[in-house]
Amino acid sequence: MTSSEFELPFRRKTYVRLIGDIEHQLNLAFDEEHTKRNLTQQEMADLLNVDKSFISRKMSGTSNMTLETLADLAFALDRAIEIKLRSRTAPDGSNRLPAVPTTDAKPKSAGPCDANVPFDKESSNPIFVAA
């Protein structure tokens, strides 16, 4: 099997994308802080009481990191961490819910904003019943 034929399972792709996003955001923040206040990896290491090689490995993605390490790196970069779990079915940047069936069905609950609206666990779509 050639590398072009190799296919990662979807679960693994999700992990690889997450790590890539984290690495990218860390490096963007580091570049901004380096430009703004001449921050170096050595200064980050000194602030966190670790070796520079530790910072280098984490920033390059050659070593796994814990959430605690991610928080430490964000601290050293003077950044807050923002986490979003987006629906896989909604396109990026979309603020719309999935399409609602166009039948005469009515929701089981009082309204679309009601927190008691039942949802299908696989598709995350609201469950409707005919009146």
Protein backbone atom coordinates (compact mmCIF):
# COMPACT_ATOMS: atom_id res chain seq x y z
CA MET A 1 0.00 0.00 0.00
CA THR A 2 1.41 3.37 -0.97
CA SER A 3 1.05 6.42 1.24
CA SER A 4 -1.49 7.88 -1.19
CA GLU A 5 -3.68 4.80 -0.64
CA PHE A 6 -3.47 5.00 3.15
CA GLU A 7 -6.75 6.12 4.70
CA LEU A 8 -7.08 7.14 8.34
CA PRO A 9 -10.25 6.08 10.15
CA PHE A 10 -12.62 9.01 10.73
CA ARG A 11 -12.06 8.90 14.50
CA ARG A 12 -8.29 9.21 14.02
CA LYS A 13 -8.76 12.03 11.48
CA THR A 14 -10.71 13.94 14.13
CA TYR A 15 -7.79 13.61 16.53
CA VAL A 16 -5.19 14.55 13.93
CA ARG A 17 -7.18 17.64 12.92
CA LEU A 18 -7.52 18.68 16.57
CA ILE A 19 -3.78 18.36 17.19
CA GLY A 20 -3.04 20.25 13.97
CA ASP A 21 -5.44 23.05 14.97
CA ILE A 22 -3.86 23.31 18.43
CA GLU A 23 -0.33 23.37 17.00
CA HIS A 24 -1.35 26.00 14.45
CA GLN A 25 -3.01 28.25 17.05
CA LEU A 26 -0.05 27.93 19.43
CA ASN A 27 2.38 28.92 16.70
CA LEU A 28 0.22 31.86 15.57
CA ALA A 29 0.06 33.11 19.16
CA PHE A 30 3.80 32.59 19.62
CA ASP A 31 4.57 34.51 16.40
CA GLU A 32 2.34 37.40 17.54
CA GLU A 33 3.91 37.50 21.01
CA HIS A 34 7.40 37.23 19.56
CA THR A 35 6.67 40.20 17.31
CA LYS A 36 4.89 42.20 20.02
CA ARG A 37 7.20 41.60 23.00
CA ASN A 38 10.14 39.60 21.63
CA LEU A 39 8.99 36.48 23.50
CA THR A 40 11.29 33.48 22.93
CA GLN A 41 10.79 29.79 23.57
CA GLN A 42 13.52 30.04 26.21
CA GLU A 43 11.52 32.73 28.04
CA MET A 44 8.43 30.53 27.89
CA ALA A 45 10.47 27.64 29.28
CA ASP A 46 11.84 29.81 32.09
CA LEU A 47 8.34 31.00 32.96
CA LEU A 48 7.08 27.40 33.13
CA ASN A 49 10.25 26.03 34.77
CA VAL A 50 10.88 23.50 31.98
CA ASP A 51 13.60 22.98 29.37
CA LYS A 52 13.44 24.86 26.08
CA SER A 53 13.37 21.49 24.30
CA PHE A 54 10.07 20.74 26.06
CA ILE A 55 8.54 23.92 24.62
CA SER A 56 10.00 23.17 21.20
CA ARG A 57 8.59 19.62 21.14
CA LYS A 58 5.12 20.79 22.17
CA MET A 59 5.06 23.72 19.73
CA SER A 60 6.20 21.54 16.82
CA GLY A 61 3.71 18.76 17.57
CA THR A 62 6.42 16.12 17.89
CA SER A 63 5.26 15.29 21.41
CA ASN A 64 1.77 14.73 22.81
CA MET A 65 0.54 17.22 25.35
CA THR A 66 -1.97 17.12 28.14
CA LEU A 67 -4.65 19.71 28.69
CA GLU A 68 -2.55 20.98 31.58
CA THR A 69 0.40 21.51 29.22
CA LEU A 70 -1.87 23.32 26.76
CA ALA A 71 -3.05 25.57 29.60
CA ASP A 72 0.57 26.19 30.65
CA LEU A 73 1.56 27.16 27.11
CA ALA A 74 -1.44 29.49 26.86
CA PHE A 75 -0.40 31.03 30.19
CA ALA A 76 3.15 31.57 28.93
CA LEU A 77 1.74 33.16 25.78
CA ASP A 78 -0.62 35.34 27.87
CA ARG A 79 -3.61 33.89 26.01
CA ALA A 80 -7.01 32.54 26.99
CA ILE A 81 -8.16 29.20 25.59
CA GLU A 82 -11.46 29.00 23.74
CA ILE A 83 -13.03 25.62 23.02
CA LYS A 84 -15.91 25.05 20.62
CA LEU A 85 -17.50 21.74 19.73
CA ARG A 86 -19.19 22.30 16.38
CA SER A 87 -21.68 19.98 14.78
CA ARG A 88 -20.12 17.88 12.04
CA THR A 89 -23.25 18.30 9.93
CA ALA A 90 -23.35 22.11 10.02
CA PRO A 91 -20.98 23.84 7.62
CA ASP A 92 -18.24 25.99 9.16
CA GLY A 93 -19.49 29.50 9.86
CA SER A 94 -23.11 28.45 9.72
CA ASN A 95 -25.48 29.67 12.39
CA ARG A 96 -28.41 27.68 11.05
CA LEU A 97 -29.95 24.55 12.47
CA PRO A 98 -30.34 21.53 10.21
CA ALA A 99 -33.36 21.72 7.89
CA VAL A 100 -36.68 20.89 9.52
CA PRO A 101 -39.03 18.45 7.77
CA THR A 102 -41.65 20.30 5.69
CA THR A 103 -44.58 18.09 6.73
CA ASP A 104 -47.48 19.16 8.92
CA ALA A 105 -45.63 17.72 11.87
CA LYS A 106 -45.59 19.62 15.14
CA PRO A 107 -42.90 19.46 17.81
CA LYS A 108 -43.72 17.48 20.94
CA SER A 109 -42.88 20.50 23.09
CA ALA A 110 -44.06 24.10 23.38
CA GLY A 111 -41.67 25.72 20.92
CA PRO A 112 -38.36 25.59 19.07
CA CYS A 113 -36.49 27.33 21.90
CA ASP A 114 -37.87 25.00 24.56
CA ALA A 115 -35.03 23.02 26.13
CA ASN A 116 -37.30 19.97 26.31
CA VAL A 117 -37.40 19.46 22.54
CA PRO A 118 -36.37 15.84 21.96
CA PHE A 119 -33.48 15.30 19.55
CA ASP A 120 -32.36 12.30 17.56
CA LYS A 121 -29.02 11.29 19.11
CA GLU A 122 -27.41 10.26 15.81
CA SER A 123 -28.38 13.21 13.62
CA SER A 124 -28.97 15.86 16.34
CA ASN A 125 -32.20 16.79 14.53
CA PRO A 126 -35.38 17.59 16.48
CA ILE A 127 -37.94 14.77 16.62
CA PHE A 128 -41.37 15.74 15.26
CA VAL A 129 -44.67 13.90 15.49
CA ALA A 130 -47.77 14.42 13.34
CA ALA A 131 -50.65 16.12 15.16
